[in-house]
Amino acid sequence: MFHLGCFVSFRPPVWNNPLFDNADAESWPEGDIYLHLAKQYDKAGFDYLMFEDSSMVSDIHGGTMEADLKHSLYAPKHDPVLLAPLLADATKGLGIITTVSTSFTPPFMLARSMSTLSHLSSGRIGWNMVTSSEDRAAQNYGMDALPDHDERYQRADEYVDVVKGLWGTWDPDAVVLDKETGTFVDHEKVRTLDHEGEYFKVRGPLNALPPFGGQPVLCQAGASPRGRDFAARNADTIIASAQGQEAMKALRDDMRERAEKFGRDPDSLKVMFVVTPMLGADDAEVARLKQLAERPDDVRVESTLGHLSCLTENDFSTFDLDAVVPEVTTNGHRSTLENFLVRGQGKTLREIASTWGLDCVPLEGTPDAVAERMGEVMDFVGGDGFLITGQVSRAHIDRIADGLVPALQARGLTRTEYTGTTMRENLMAF
């Protein structure tokens, strides 16, 4: 058996793609489309929804905000932390992971918010640990620019230690509710943290109850060598992108080896591989959908390059679209840029931008065919699961929940019911 998750953002769903409806293009801020997503994937037994996030409107591409806003790349985008309780209340077993940056949010604030959300969700909340990668975001928090890539991870390691330390300032049995003595909390079971490190000074204790059911699930997506070490040390699940099943296996093996070096059981780190299944009722429909998806499209090229410009802070509008992808560097998303450059070897910038995505393996066909292929890939890789992404639309969501998942369940590849009550229990169940 393997796990299923979903990679998503609290932003406008698809609205100008012929493959999908656009019924929720205006109403998305109300959250109904995400409630539909959560309810369907809860029914399907998904481990979690992972909401990525950022906090800037980028003007890197072409030196203006046009590409970002025209294609709704990084704006508008709403805060998924505030969406989480709504989704948790509408579901029973599904986990909700929200993104909060270690570069911009004080660790005490994060620890308190996650602890609160863990109680509101009965232990089904998680934190996606990011260091952020955009100077434009840093400038919204009083900074001129972000620190160096590896220093951000060094700081993040200490940040996570502080957060875990704050969660541990209360004993699990600190609340006594002793009516005879009039004592709500036993003060001897709550202590200060008194952390003084290179980057943070935090007294503690946390003034919220410790998280419900233990520590919230920690998620991470960095794939650079320093990012992998950070994940191996701290994360319970990681968002992974590697081209082809051999690269997927190599990445998972590497992460398990790194986890062992940090003294961890490698089975406690679940590696989830990003895929975008394209499902059709029959081969003819799949061929039609594939033809639409792969058509040359100037809008898609501009959108892709605008996305990469935002993440890497390289202005891709300055490069020749009909020349080979140039060598560039970044202090931002190194793994995303590397993925783009590797997949673009020998291709023009236009060619790679027309088809680029983070999919680890192509999954196209009927639900039965795709389910069979997912089982074969996961058997080769060794685990741990897939993180389904793609355009948010009700039709796509329903094809996954009502078509693909039953085909997976029929093969014994994914769960048919939740066996735990918290996200951690379900994530570590197999």
Protein backbone atom coordinates (compact mmCIF):
# COMPACT_ATOMS: atom_id res chain seq x y z
CA MET A 1 0.00 0.00 0.00
CA PHE A 2 1.08 3.56 -0.58
CA HIS A 3 -0.09 6.98 0.58
CA LEU A 4 -1.92 9.69 -1.35
CA GLY A 5 -1.69 13.44 -0.85
CA CYS A 6 -2.66 16.54 -2.80
CA PHE A 7 -0.53 19.60 -3.58
CA VAL A 8 -2.64 22.74 -3.90
CA SER A 9 -2.75 26.51 -3.30
CA PHE A 10 -5.47 28.80 -1.94
CA ARG A 11 -5.65 30.75 -5.18
CA PRO A 12 -7.86 31.00 -8.27
CA PRO A 13 -8.55 27.60 -9.81
CA VAL A 14 -8.31 26.99 -13.54
CA TRP A 15 -10.31 29.56 -15.50
CA ASN A 16 -8.94 29.71 -19.05
CA ASN A 17 -8.06 26.12 -19.96
CA PRO A 18 -10.33 24.22 -22.40
CA LEU A 19 -9.75 20.99 -20.47
CA PHE A 20 -11.55 22.23 -17.37
CA ASP A 21 -14.66 24.11 -16.32
CA ASN A 22 -14.31 27.59 -14.81
CA ALA A 23 -17.34 27.59 -12.53
CA ASP A 24 -15.30 28.56 -9.46
CA ALA A 25 -13.13 31.24 -11.08
CA GLU A 26 -14.88 34.06 -9.21
CA SER A 27 -16.11 32.33 -6.05
CA TRP A 28 -12.83 30.66 -5.00
CA PRO A 29 -12.14 33.14 -2.13
CA GLU A 30 -15.26 31.81 -0.39
CA GLY A 31 -13.59 28.39 -0.16
CA ASP A 32 -16.37 26.23 -1.64
CA ILE A 33 -14.13 24.64 -4.29
CA TYR A 34 -11.62 23.72 -1.58
CA LEU A 35 -14.37 22.29 0.60
CA HIS A 36 -15.36 20.10 -2.36
CA LEU A 37 -11.72 19.07 -2.78
CA ALA A 38 -11.36 18.24 0.92
CA LYS A 39 -14.62 16.28 1.16
CA GLN A 40 -13.87 14.22 -1.94
CA TYR A 41 -10.31 13.39 -0.92
CA ASP A 42 -11.43 12.66 2.64
CA LYS A 43 -13.89 10.14 1.20
CA ALA A 44 -11.06 8.72 -0.92
CA GLY A 45 -8.75 8.23 2.09
CA PHE A 46 -6.05 10.75 1.20
CA ASP A 47 -3.50 11.35 3.93
CA TYR A 48 -3.41 15.12 3.47
CA LEU A 49 -3.88 18.26 1.44
CA MET A 50 -0.68 20.32 1.32
CA PHE A 51 -1.25 24.04 0.74
CA GLU A 52 1.80 25.84 -0.56
CA ASP A 53 1.98 29.59 0.00
CA SER A 54 3.97 32.75 -0.68
CA SER A 55 3.61 36.42 0.22
CA MET A 56 4.54 38.64 -2.67
CA VAL A 57 3.45 39.95 -6.06
CA SER A 58 6.42 39.35 -8.33
CA ASP A 59 7.75 41.88 -10.83
CA ILE A 60 10.81 39.91 -11.91
CA HIS A 61 9.48 38.74 -15.28
CA GLY A 62 9.77 41.65 -17.67
CA GLY A 63 10.35 44.05 -14.79
CA THR A 64 6.62 44.43 -14.13
CA MET A 65 3.84 42.68 -12.17
CA GLU A 66 1.97 41.92 -15.42
CA ALA A 67 2.89 38.24 -15.85
CA ASP A 68 2.21 37.40 -12.20
CA LEU A 69 -1.19 39.07 -12.10
CA LYS A 70 -2.23 38.25 -15.67
CA HIS A 71 -1.77 34.52 -15.09
CA SER A 72 -2.60 34.58 -11.34
CA LEU A 73 0.72 32.91 -10.57
CA TYR A 74 1.50 34.16 -7.06
CA ALA A 75 -1.29 36.66 -6.69
CA PRO A 76 -4.06 36.72 -5.81
CA LYS A 77 -3.37 34.13 -3.13
CA HIS A 78 -5.10 33.87 0.24
CA ASP A 79 -3.79 32.58 3.57
CA PRO A 80 -4.27 28.78 3.85
CA VAL A 81 -3.73 28.85 7.63
CA LEU A 82 -7.13 30.54 7.95
CA LEU A 83 -8.74 28.06 5.55
CA ALA A 84 -7.53 25.01 7.51
CA PRO A 85 -10.18 25.00 10.29
CA LEU A 86 -12.97 25.23 7.71
CA LEU A 87 -11.63 22.19 5.86
CA ALA A 88 -10.94 20.22 9.02
CA ASP A 89 -14.48 20.80 10.26
CA ALA A 90 -15.88 19.38 7.00
CA THR A 91 -13.78 16.20 7.05
CA LYS A 92 -13.10 13.26 9.35
CA GLY A 93 -9.70 11.76 8.53
CA LEU A 94 -7.99 14.05 6.04
CA GLY A 95 -4.92 15.96 7.18
CA ILE A 96 -4.43 19.65 6.34
CA ILE A 97 -0.85 20.94 5.92
CA THR A 98 -0.32 24.69 5.69
CA THR A 99 2.81 26.61 4.74
CA VAL A 100 4.48 29.08 7.11
CA SER A 101 7.91 30.60 6.47
CA THR A 102 10.74 30.31 8.98
CA SER A 103 12.19 33.52 7.53
CA PHE A 104 9.22 35.77 8.30
CA THR A 105 7.20 34.32 11.19
CA PRO A 106 8.45 34.35 14.81
CA PRO A 107 8.77 30.76 16.10
CA PHE A 108 6.58 31.48 19.14
CA MET A 109 3.76 32.65 16.86
CA LEU A 110 4.08 29.56 14.67
CA ALA A 111 4.18 27.17 17.62
CA ARG A 112 1.07 28.78 19.14
CA SER A 113 -0.90 28.81 15.85
CA MET A 114 -0.09 25.19 15.02
CA SER A 115 -0.94 24.06 18.54
CA THR A 116 -4.28 25.86 18.32
CA LEU A 117 -5.02 24.38 14.90
CA SER A 118 -4.11 20.91 16.14
CA HIS A 119 -6.91 21.13 18.69
CA LEU A 120 -9.41 22.60 16.22
CA SER A 121 -8.66 19.70 13.85
CA SER A 122 -8.31 16.92 16.45
CA GLY A 123 -4.70 16.32 15.46
CA ARG A 124 -5.08 16.62 11.69
CA ILE A 125 -2.91 19.70 11.13
CA GLY A 126 0.59 19.90 9.67
CA TRP A 127 3.21 22.54 8.97
CA ASN A 128 5.04 22.86 5.66
CA MET A 129 8.42 24.28 6.66
CA VAL A 130 9.76 26.73 4.07
CA THR A 131 12.61 29.21 4.23
CA SER A 132 11.12 31.28 1.36
CA SER A 133 13.06 32.11 -1.77
CA GLU A 134 11.98 35.52 -3.01
CA ASP A 135 13.50 38.88 -2.10
CA ARG A 136 10.19 40.52 -3.00
CA ALA A 137 8.58 38.54 -0.17
CA ALA A 138 11.37 39.51 2.22
CA GLN A 139 10.71 43.17 1.42
CA ASN A 140 7.19 42.78 2.78
CA TYR A 141 8.65 41.90 6.18
CA GLY A 142 11.16 44.71 6.65
CA MET A 143 14.11 43.05 4.91
CA ASP A 144 16.01 44.20 1.82
CA ALA A 145 16.86 40.67 0.70
CA LEU A 146 16.90 37.11 1.96
CA PRO A 147 20.04 35.62 3.48
CA ASP A 148 22.08 33.14 1.46
CA HIS A 149 20.34 29.86 0.56
CA ASP A 150 22.29 27.62 2.95
CA GLU A 151 22.17 30.15 5.79
CA ARG A 152 18.39 30.16 5.54
CA TYR A 153 18.40 26.44 6.24
CA GLN A 154 20.87 26.86 9.09
CA ARG A 155 18.49 29.37 10.64
CA ALA A 156 15.52 27.08 9.94
CA ASP A 157 17.13 24.19 11.82
CA GLU A 158 17.30 26.34 14.93
CA TYR A 159 13.77 27.62 14.28
CA VAL A 160 12.38 24.07 14.26
CA ASP A 161 14.26 23.27 17.47
CA VAL A 162 12.66 26.29 19.14
CA VAL A 163 9.17 25.35 17.95
CA LYS A 164 9.52 21.76 19.13
CA GLY A 165 10.95 23.04 22.39
CA LEU A 166 7.96 25.32 22.93
CA TRP A 167 5.56 22.45 22.24
CA GLY A 168 7.40 20.53 24.91
CA THR A 169 7.19 23.18 27.65
CA TRP A 170 3.95 21.61 28.86
CA ASP A 171 3.75 18.06 30.17
CA PRO A 172 0.91 16.06 28.60
CA ASP A 173 -0.83 15.85 31.99
CA ALA A 174 -0.31 19.48 33.02
CA VAL A 175 -4.04 20.24 32.96
CA VAL A 176 -5.49 18.75 36.17
CA LEU A 177 -8.83 20.56 36.66
CA ASP A 178 -8.63 19.90 40.40
CA LYS A 179 -11.78 21.43 41.88
CA GLU A 180 -10.71 20.72 45.47
CA THR A 181 -7.62 22.92 45.19
CA GLY A 182 -9.04 25.18 42.50
CA THR A 183 -6.17 24.31 40.17
CA PHE A 184 -6.66 24.30 36.41
CA VAL A 185 -3.00 23.70 35.43
CA ASP A 186 -0.27 22.23 37.65
CA HIS A 187 2.42 24.90 37.46
CA GLU A 188 5.14 22.34 38.18
CA LYS A 189 4.37 20.65 34.86
CA VAL A 190 4.95 23.78 32.77
CA ARG A 191 8.44 25.23 32.32
CA THR A 192 10.28 27.96 30.48
CA LEU A 193 12.33 27.17 27.39
CA ASP A 194 15.07 29.78 27.87
CA HIS A 195 16.46 29.32 24.38
CA GLU A 196 19.38 31.53 23.38
CA GLY A 197 20.86 30.56 20.04
CA GLU A 198 22.57 32.07 17.02
CA TYR A 199 19.34 33.39 15.53
CA PHE A 200 16.62 33.26 18.20
CA LYS A 201 16.08 34.15 21.83
CA VAL A 202 12.82 32.77 23.21
CA ARG A 203 11.90 32.50 26.87
CA GLY A 204 8.69 30.46 26.77
CA PRO A 205 6.72 28.63 27.92
CA LEU A 206 4.04 28.41 25.28
CA ASN A 207 0.82 29.94 26.58
CA ALA A 208 -1.30 27.47 24.60
CA LEU A 209 -1.93 23.82 25.36
CA PRO A 210 0.53 21.36 23.82
CA PRO A 211 -0.55 20.06 20.40
CA PHE A 212 -3.42 17.60 20.30
CA GLY A 213 -2.20 14.03 19.93
CA GLY A 214 1.47 14.94 19.87
CA GLN A 215 3.61 16.95 17.49
CA PRO A 216 1.93 18.13 14.26
CA VAL A 217 3.16 16.53 11.04
CA LEU A 218 6.10 18.43 9.55
CA CYS A 219 6.45 18.70 5.77
CA GLN A 220 9.28 19.99 3.57
CA ALA A 221 9.95 20.43 -0.14
CA GLY A 222 13.58 21.55 -0.57
CA ALA A 223 15.59 19.22 -2.81
CA SER A 224 19.01 20.90 -2.76
CA PRO A 225 21.67 19.05 -0.72
CA ARG A 226 21.15 21.44 2.21
CA GLY A 227 17.40 21.19 1.83
CA ARG A 228 17.57 17.40 1.88
CA ASP A 229 19.58 17.45 5.09
CA PHE A 230 17.02 19.80 6.65
CA ALA A 231 14.20 17.44 5.65
CA ALA A 232 16.05 14.34 6.82
CA ARG A 233 16.59 15.96 10.21
CA ASN A 234 13.14 17.47 10.74
CA ALA A 235 10.40 16.34 8.35
CA ASP A 236 7.81 13.58 8.53
CA THR A 237 6.90 13.87 4.85
CA ILE A 238 8.55 15.55 1.87
CA ILE A 239 7.31 16.85 -1.47
CA ALA A 240 9.52 15.23 -4.11
CA SER A 241 10.04 15.75 -7.82
CA ALA A 242 12.39 13.53 -9.83
CA GLN A 243 12.15 12.69 -13.51
CA GLY A 244 11.53 8.99 -14.04
CA GLN A 245 11.25 6.06 -11.69
CA GLU A 246 15.01 5.48 -11.50
CA ALA A 247 15.52 9.06 -10.29
CA MET A 248 12.58 8.66 -7.91
CA LYS A 249 14.14 5.58 -6.36
CA ALA A 250 17.52 7.30 -6.08
CA LEU A 251 15.94 10.30 -4.35
CA ARG A 252 14.02 8.16 -1.86
CA ASP A 253 17.08 6.00 -1.13
CA ASP A 254 19.13 9.15 -0.55
CA MET A 255 16.55 10.61 1.83
CA ARG A 256 16.38 7.39 3.82
CA GLU A 257 20.17 7.28 4.12
CA ARG A 258 20.24 10.89 5.30
CA ALA A 259 17.51 10.18 7.86
CA GLU A 260 19.55 7.31 9.27
CA LYS A 261 22.58 9.59 9.58
CA PHE A 262 20.46 11.84 11.81
CA GLY A 263 19.59 8.85 13.99
CA ARG A 264 16.08 8.41 12.62
CA ASP A 265 14.09 5.39 11.49
CA PRO A 266 13.93 5.93 7.70
CA ASP A 267 10.35 4.64 7.67
CA SER A 268 9.38 7.73 9.67
CA LEU A 269 10.05 9.93 6.60
CA LYS A 270 7.41 9.57 3.90
CA VAL A 271 8.57 10.67 0.43
CA MET A 272 5.62 11.78 -1.73
CA PHE A 273 6.19 12.12 -5.48
CA VAL A 274 4.41 14.81 -7.49
CA VAL A 275 2.20 13.58 -10.34
CA THR A 276 -0.65 14.94 -12.47
CA PRO A 277 -2.85 12.07 -13.67
CA MET A 278 -4.70 12.65 -16.95
CA LEU A 279 -7.78 10.46 -16.82
CA GLY A 280 -10.25 9.63 -19.55
CA ALA A 281 -13.16 7.23 -19.91
CA ASP A 282 -11.40 5.48 -22.78
CA ASP A 283 -8.26 5.74 -24.92
CA ALA A 284 -9.94 8.07 -27.42
CA GLU A 285 -10.81 10.60 -24.72
CA VAL A 286 -7.30 10.38 -23.26
CA ALA A 287 -5.81 11.07 -26.72
CA ARG A 288 -8.07 14.10 -27.12
CA LEU A 289 -7.15 15.48 -23.71
CA LYS A 290 -3.46 14.89 -24.33
CA GLN A 291 -3.61 16.71 -27.67
CA LEU A 292 -5.24 19.71 -26.01
CA ALA A 293 -2.73 19.72 -23.16
CA GLU A 294 0.33 19.52 -25.40
CA ARG A 295 -0.65 22.08 -28.01
CA PRO A 296 1.80 24.95 -28.63
CA ASP A 297 0.51 27.77 -26.51
CA ASP A 298 2.06 31.23 -26.11
CA VAL A 299 0.02 31.75 -22.94
CA ARG A 300 1.44 28.61 -21.39
CA VAL A 301 4.99 29.63 -22.32
CA GLU A 302 4.58 33.07 -20.77
CA SER A 303 2.93 31.58 -17.68
CA THR A 304 5.68 28.99 -17.20
CA LEU A 305 8.48 31.50 -17.62
CA GLY A 306 6.68 33.97 -15.36
CA HIS A 307 6.46 31.23 -12.72
CA LEU A 308 10.17 30.45 -13.02
CA SER A 309 11.08 34.12 -12.94
CA CYS A 310 9.14 34.48 -9.66
CA LEU A 311 10.77 31.46 -8.02
CA THR A 312 14.35 31.95 -9.19
CA GLU A 313 14.44 35.76 -9.57
CA ASN A 314 15.92 35.39 -13.05
CA ASP A 315 14.08 37.42 -15.69
CA PHE A 316 13.35 34.75 -18.31
CA SER A 317 11.73 37.35 -20.56
CA THR A 318 15.24 38.54 -21.45
CA PHE A 319 16.25 35.20 -22.98
CA ASP A 320 15.78 34.07 -26.58
CA LEU A 321 12.77 31.75 -26.73
CA ASP A 322 14.18 29.90 -29.72
CA ALA A 323 17.64 29.30 -28.27
CA VAL A 324 18.85 26.58 -25.90
CA VAL A 325 18.00 27.22 -22.26
CA PRO A 326 20.84 29.33 -20.82
CA GLU A 327 22.87 28.47 -17.73
CA VAL A 328 21.59 30.52 -14.80
CA THR A 329 21.95 30.41 -11.02
CA THR A 330 19.71 31.41 -8.16
CA ASN A 331 19.58 32.14 -4.45
CA GLY A 332 15.94 31.05 -4.57
CA HIS A 333 14.42 27.70 -5.57
CA ARG A 334 17.57 25.85 -6.62
CA SER A 335 15.91 22.46 -7.10
CA THR A 336 13.15 23.92 -9.30
CA LEU A 337 15.69 25.68 -11.50
CA GLU A 338 17.84 22.55 -11.71
CA ASN A 339 14.80 20.48 -12.68
CA PHE A 340 13.98 22.95 -15.43
CA LEU A 341 17.52 23.03 -16.78
CA VAL A 342 17.90 19.23 -16.73
CA ARG A 343 14.63 18.67 -18.55
CA GLY A 344 15.54 21.42 -21.01
CA GLN A 345 18.85 19.98 -22.16
CA GLY A 346 19.03 20.18 -25.95
CA LYS A 347 15.71 22.02 -26.20
CA THR A 348 14.89 25.62 -26.87
CA LEU A 349 13.43 27.72 -24.10
CA ARG A 350 10.09 27.78 -25.94
CA GLU A 351 10.02 23.98 -26.31
CA ILE A 352 10.69 23.22 -22.68
CA ALA A 353 8.37 25.95 -21.39
CA SER A 354 5.54 24.54 -23.54
CA THR A 355 5.61 21.18 -21.77
CA TRP A 356 7.44 21.72 -18.48
CA GLY A 357 6.01 20.47 -15.23
CA LEU A 358 7.10 18.81 -12.00
CA ASP A 359 5.54 15.42 -12.77
CA CYS A 360 7.79 12.54 -11.80
CA VAL A 361 6.24 10.09 -14.27
CA PRO A 362 3.53 10.55 -16.93
CA LEU A 363 0.20 9.07 -15.86
CA GLU A 364 -2.27 9.06 -18.75
CA GLY A 365 -5.13 6.68 -19.45
CA THR A 366 -8.25 5.18 -18.00
CA PRO A 367 -8.49 4.95 -14.20
CA ASP A 368 -7.64 1.25 -14.36
CA ALA A 369 -4.60 1.81 -16.56
CA VAL A 370 -3.29 4.69 -14.44
CA ALA A 371 -3.85 2.74 -11.21
CA GLU A 372 -1.90 -0.19 -12.64
CA ARG A 373 0.95 2.09 -13.66
CA MET A 374 1.05 3.80 -10.24
CA GLY A 375 1.36 0.40 -8.59
CA GLU A 376 4.23 -0.59 -10.91
CA VAL A 377 6.11 2.65 -10.28
CA MET A 378 5.70 2.52 -6.53
CA ASP A 379 6.78 -1.14 -6.47
CA PHE A 380 9.99 -0.16 -8.28
CA VAL A 381 10.65 2.93 -6.17
CA GLY A 382 9.89 1.21 -2.87
CA GLY A 383 7.39 3.77 -1.46
CA ASP A 384 6.00 5.94 -0.04
CA GLY A 385 3.27 7.55 -2.12
CA PHE A 386 2.09 10.11 -4.65
CA LEU A 387 1.23 13.77 -4.26
CA ILE A 388 -1.43 14.59 -6.82
CA THR A 389 -1.43 18.08 -8.25
CA GLY A 390 -2.78 19.79 -11.35
CA GLN A 391 -5.55 22.20 -12.16
CA VAL A 392 -8.16 22.59 -9.43
CA SER A 393 -11.56 21.91 -10.97
CA ARG A 394 -14.52 19.89 -9.78
CA ALA A 395 -14.35 17.60 -12.80
CA HIS A 396 -10.66 16.79 -12.21
CA ILE A 397 -11.21 16.27 -8.48
CA ASP A 398 -14.13 13.93 -9.13
CA ARG A 399 -12.17 11.91 -11.71
CA ILE A 400 -9.51 11.30 -9.08
CA ALA A 401 -11.82 10.57 -6.13
CA ASP A 402 -14.53 8.62 -7.96
CA GLY A 403 -12.48 7.01 -10.74
CA LEU A 404 -8.80 6.61 -9.95
CA VAL A 405 -9.00 5.92 -6.21
CA PRO A 406 -11.55 3.09 -6.47
CA ALA A 407 -9.26 1.48 -9.08
CA LEU A 408 -6.33 1.79 -6.68
CA GLN A 409 -8.37 0.41 -3.78
CA ALA A 410 -9.52 -2.56 -5.86
CA ARG A 411 -5.86 -3.48 -6.30
CA GLY A 412 -5.12 -3.11 -2.60
CA LEU A 413 -2.78 -0.18 -3.28
CA THR A 414 -4.41 2.50 -1.11
CA ARG A 415 -6.49 2.50 2.06
CA THR A 416 -10.23 2.02 2.08
CA GLU A 417 -10.66 3.65 5.49
CA TYR A 418 -8.69 5.62 8.03
CA THR A 419 -7.33 3.49 10.86
CA GLY A 420 -6.02 6.37 12.99
CA THR A 421 -7.59 9.50 14.37
CA THR A 422 -4.67 11.92 13.79
CA MET A 423 -2.76 12.69 10.62
CA ARG A 424 0.43 11.30 12.15
CA GLU A 425 -1.25 7.98 12.99
CA ASN A 426 -2.56 7.61 9.45
CA LEU A 427 0.68 8.72 7.80
CA MET A 428 2.74 6.24 9.82
CA ALA A 429 0.22 3.39 9.57
CA PHE A 430 2.21 1.77 6.71
